[in-house]
């Protein structure tokens, strides 16, 4: 296919990468890290420690994290922190 020139090019603007109008349910490592507010390296530490939810094997070579599992993980962390006494509350 030959490149378009002149008037033909004006009728066919260049293609741009599609932007998603939604958050995918399965998030790959960089997306999942950003979703919970971690850097990819901090994400790797948390994954290795077993503190994060297990990833979902999407295909034989692709795994990702279910955003619902990440939401549940965030809520559980919030609840656990709410039950810990803050010594500054009595000051």
C-alpha atoms as a PDB file:
ATOM      1  CA  UNK A   1       0.000   0.000   0.000  1.00  0.00           C
ATOM      2  CA  UNK A   2       1.459   3.348  -1.052  1.00  0.00           C
ATOM      3  CA  UNK A   3       1.306   6.396   1.199  1.00  0.00           C
ATOM      4  CA  UNK A   4      -1.472   8.880   0.512  1.00  0.00           C
ATOM      5  CA  UNK A   5      -0.553  12.305  -0.803  1.00  0.00           C
ATOM      6  CA  UNK A   6      -2.265  15.640  -1.337  1.00  0.00           C
ATOM      7  CA  UNK A   7      -6.064  15.610  -1.184  1.00  0.00           C
ATOM      8  CA  UNK A   8      -6.156  11.879  -0.421  1.00  0.00           C
ATOM      9  CA  UNK A   9      -4.112  12.414   2.743  1.00  0.00           C
ATOM     10  CA  UNK A  10      -6.432  15.205   3.895  1.00  0.00           C
ATOM     11  CA  UNK A  11      -9.397  12.828   3.673  1.00  0.00           C
ATOM     12  CA  UNK A  12      -7.628  10.163   5.753  1.00  0.00           C
ATOM     13  CA  UNK A  13      -6.130  11.523   8.983  1.00  0.00           C
ATOM     14  CA  UNK A  14      -3.383   9.373  10.553  1.00  0.00           C
ATOM     15  CA  UNK A  15      -4.522   6.589  12.825  1.00  0.00           C
ATOM     16  CA  UNK A  16      -3.967   7.034  16.512  1.00  0.00           C
ATOM     17  CA  UNK A  17      -3.739   4.450  19.218  1.00  0.00           C
ATOM     18  CA  UNK A  18      -7.189   3.672  20.578  1.00  0.00           C
ATOM     19  CA  UNK A  19      -7.862   4.964  24.072  1.00  0.00           C
ATOM     20  CA  UNK A  20      -9.981   2.841  26.302  1.00  0.00           C
ATOM     21  CA  UNK A  21     -12.999   4.543  27.811  1.00  0.00           C
ATOM     22  CA  UNK A  22     -13.005   2.063  30.696  1.00  0.00           C
ATOM     23  CA  UNK A  23     -10.582   0.311  33.019  1.00  0.00           C
ATOM     24  CA  UNK A  24     -10.000  -3.285  31.937  1.00  0.00           C
ATOM     25  CA  UNK A  25     -11.012  -5.854  34.519  1.00  0.00           C
ATOM     26  CA  UNK A  26      -7.684  -7.684  34.278  1.00  0.00           C
ATOM     27  CA  UNK A  27      -4.739  -5.369  34.844  1.00  0.00           C
ATOM     28  CA  UNK A  28      -1.195  -6.151  33.785  1.00  0.00           C
ATOM     29  CA  UNK A  29       1.692  -5.379  36.153  1.00  0.00           C
ATOM     30  CA  UNK A  30       2.181  -1.651  35.361  1.00  0.00           C
ATOM     31  CA  UNK A  31      -1.560  -0.976  35.356  1.00  0.00           C
ATOM     32  CA  UNK A  32      -2.147  -2.944  38.558  1.00  0.00           C
ATOM     33  CA  UNK A  33       0.700  -1.167  40.343  1.00  0.00           C
ATOM     34  CA  UNK A  34      -0.636   2.231  39.293  1.00  0.00           C
ATOM     35  CA  UNK A  35      -4.198   1.218  40.218  1.00  0.00           C
ATOM     36  CA  UNK A  36      -3.210   0.708  43.864  1.00  0.00           C
ATOM     37  CA  UNK A  37      -0.745   3.605  43.914  1.00  0.00           C
ATOM     38  CA  UNK A  38       2.523   1.674  43.903  1.00  0.00           C
ATOM     39  CA  UNK A  39       5.564   1.878  41.688  1.00  0.00           C
ATOM     40  CA  UNK A  40       6.232  -1.267  39.629  1.00  0.00           C
ATOM     41  CA  UNK A  41       9.265  -2.066  41.815  1.00  0.00           C
ATOM     42  CA  UNK A  42       7.243  -1.702  45.042  1.00  0.00           C
ATOM     43  CA  UNK A  43       4.531  -3.825  43.398  1.00  0.00           C
ATOM     44  CA  UNK A  44       7.102  -6.569  42.741  1.00  0.00           C
ATOM     45  CA  UNK A  45       8.143  -6.563  46.415  1.00  0.00           C
ATOM     46  CA  UNK A  46       4.524  -6.905  47.557  1.00  0.00           C
ATOM     47  CA  UNK A  47       3.830  -9.673  45.025  1.00  0.00           C
ATOM     48  CA  UNK A  48       6.960 -11.590  46.062  1.00  0.00           C
ATOM     49  CA  UNK A  49       5.967 -11.310  49.721  1.00  0.00           C
ATOM     50  CA  UNK A  50       2.522 -12.756  49.012  1.00  0.00           C
ATOM     51  CA  UNK A  51       0.759  -9.702  50.459  1.00  0.00           C
ATOM     52  CA  UNK A  52      -1.123  -8.950  47.230  1.00  0.00           C
ATOM     53  CA  UNK A  53      -3.853 -11.045  45.634  1.00  0.00           C
ATOM     54  CA  UNK A  54      -2.708 -13.800  43.287  1.00  0.00           C
ATOM     55  CA  UNK A  55      -2.703 -12.973  39.574  1.00  0.00           C
ATOM     56  CA  UNK A  56      -5.106 -14.572  37.105  1.00  0.00           C
ATOM     57  CA  UNK A  57      -3.538 -16.630  34.314  1.00  0.00           C
ATOM     58  CA  UNK A  58      -5.233 -15.165  31.216  1.00  0.00           C
ATOM     59  CA  UNK A  59      -3.315 -17.194  28.625  1.00  0.00           C
ATOM     60  CA  UNK A  60      -0.259 -19.416  28.862  1.00  0.00           C
ATOM     61  CA  UNK A  61       2.025 -16.385  28.696  1.00  0.00           C
ATOM     62  CA  UNK A  62      -0.153 -13.623  30.112  1.00  0.00           C
ATOM     63  CA  UNK A  63      -1.174 -13.027  33.692  1.00  0.00           C
ATOM     64  CA  UNK A  64      -2.850 -10.082  35.319  1.00  0.00           C
ATOM     65  CA  UNK A  65      -4.680  -8.988  38.429  1.00  0.00           C
ATOM     66  CA  UNK A  66      -8.452  -8.771  38.711  1.00  0.00           C
ATOM     67  CA  UNK A  67      -9.286  -5.201  39.674  1.00  0.00           C
ATOM     68  CA  UNK A  68     -12.104  -6.475  41.917  1.00  0.00           C
ATOM     69  CA  UNK A  69      -9.534  -8.496  43.894  1.00  0.00           C
ATOM     70  CA  UNK A  70      -7.408  -5.350  44.174  1.00  0.00           C
ATOM     71  CA  UNK A  71     -10.437  -3.372  45.368  1.00  0.00           C
ATOM     72  CA  UNK A  72     -11.102  -6.032  48.027  1.00  0.00           C
ATOM     73  CA  UNK A  73      -7.417  -5.919  49.056  1.00  0.00           C
ATOM     74  CA  UNK A  74      -7.589  -2.132  49.462  1.00  0.00           C
ATOM     75  CA  UNK A  75     -10.792  -2.355  51.536  1.00  0.00           C
ATOM     76  CA  UNK A  76      -9.252  -5.040  53.771  1.00  0.00           C
ATOM     77  CA  UNK A  77      -6.199  -2.836  54.380  1.00  0.00           C
ATOM     78  CA  UNK A  78      -8.451   0.099  55.274  1.00  0.00           C
ATOM     79  CA  UNK A  79     -10.442  -2.031  57.728  1.00  0.00           C
ATOM     80  CA  UNK A  80      -7.277  -3.441  59.323  1.00  0.00           C
ATOM     81  CA  UNK A  81      -5.879   0.055  59.806  1.00  0.00           C
ATOM     82  CA  UNK A  82      -9.138   1.288  61.300  1.00  0.00           C
ATOM     83  CA  UNK A  83      -8.866  -1.293  64.102  1.00  0.00           C
ATOM     84  CA  UNK A  84      -5.299  -0.333  65.056  1.00  0.00           C
ATOM     85  CA  UNK A  85      -5.160   2.175  67.893  1.00  0.00           C
ATOM     86  CA  UNK A  86      -3.496   5.443  66.992  1.00  0.00           C
ATOM     87  CA  UNK A  87      -1.435   6.768  69.930  1.00  0.00           C
ATOM     88  CA  UNK A  88      -1.963  10.321  68.673  1.00  0.00           C
ATOM     89  CA  UNK A  89      -5.721  10.008  69.230  1.00  0.00           C
ATOM     90  CA  UNK A  90      -5.163  10.307  73.006  1.00  0.00           C
ATOM     91  CA  UNK A  91      -2.764  13.251  72.794  1.00  0.00           C
END
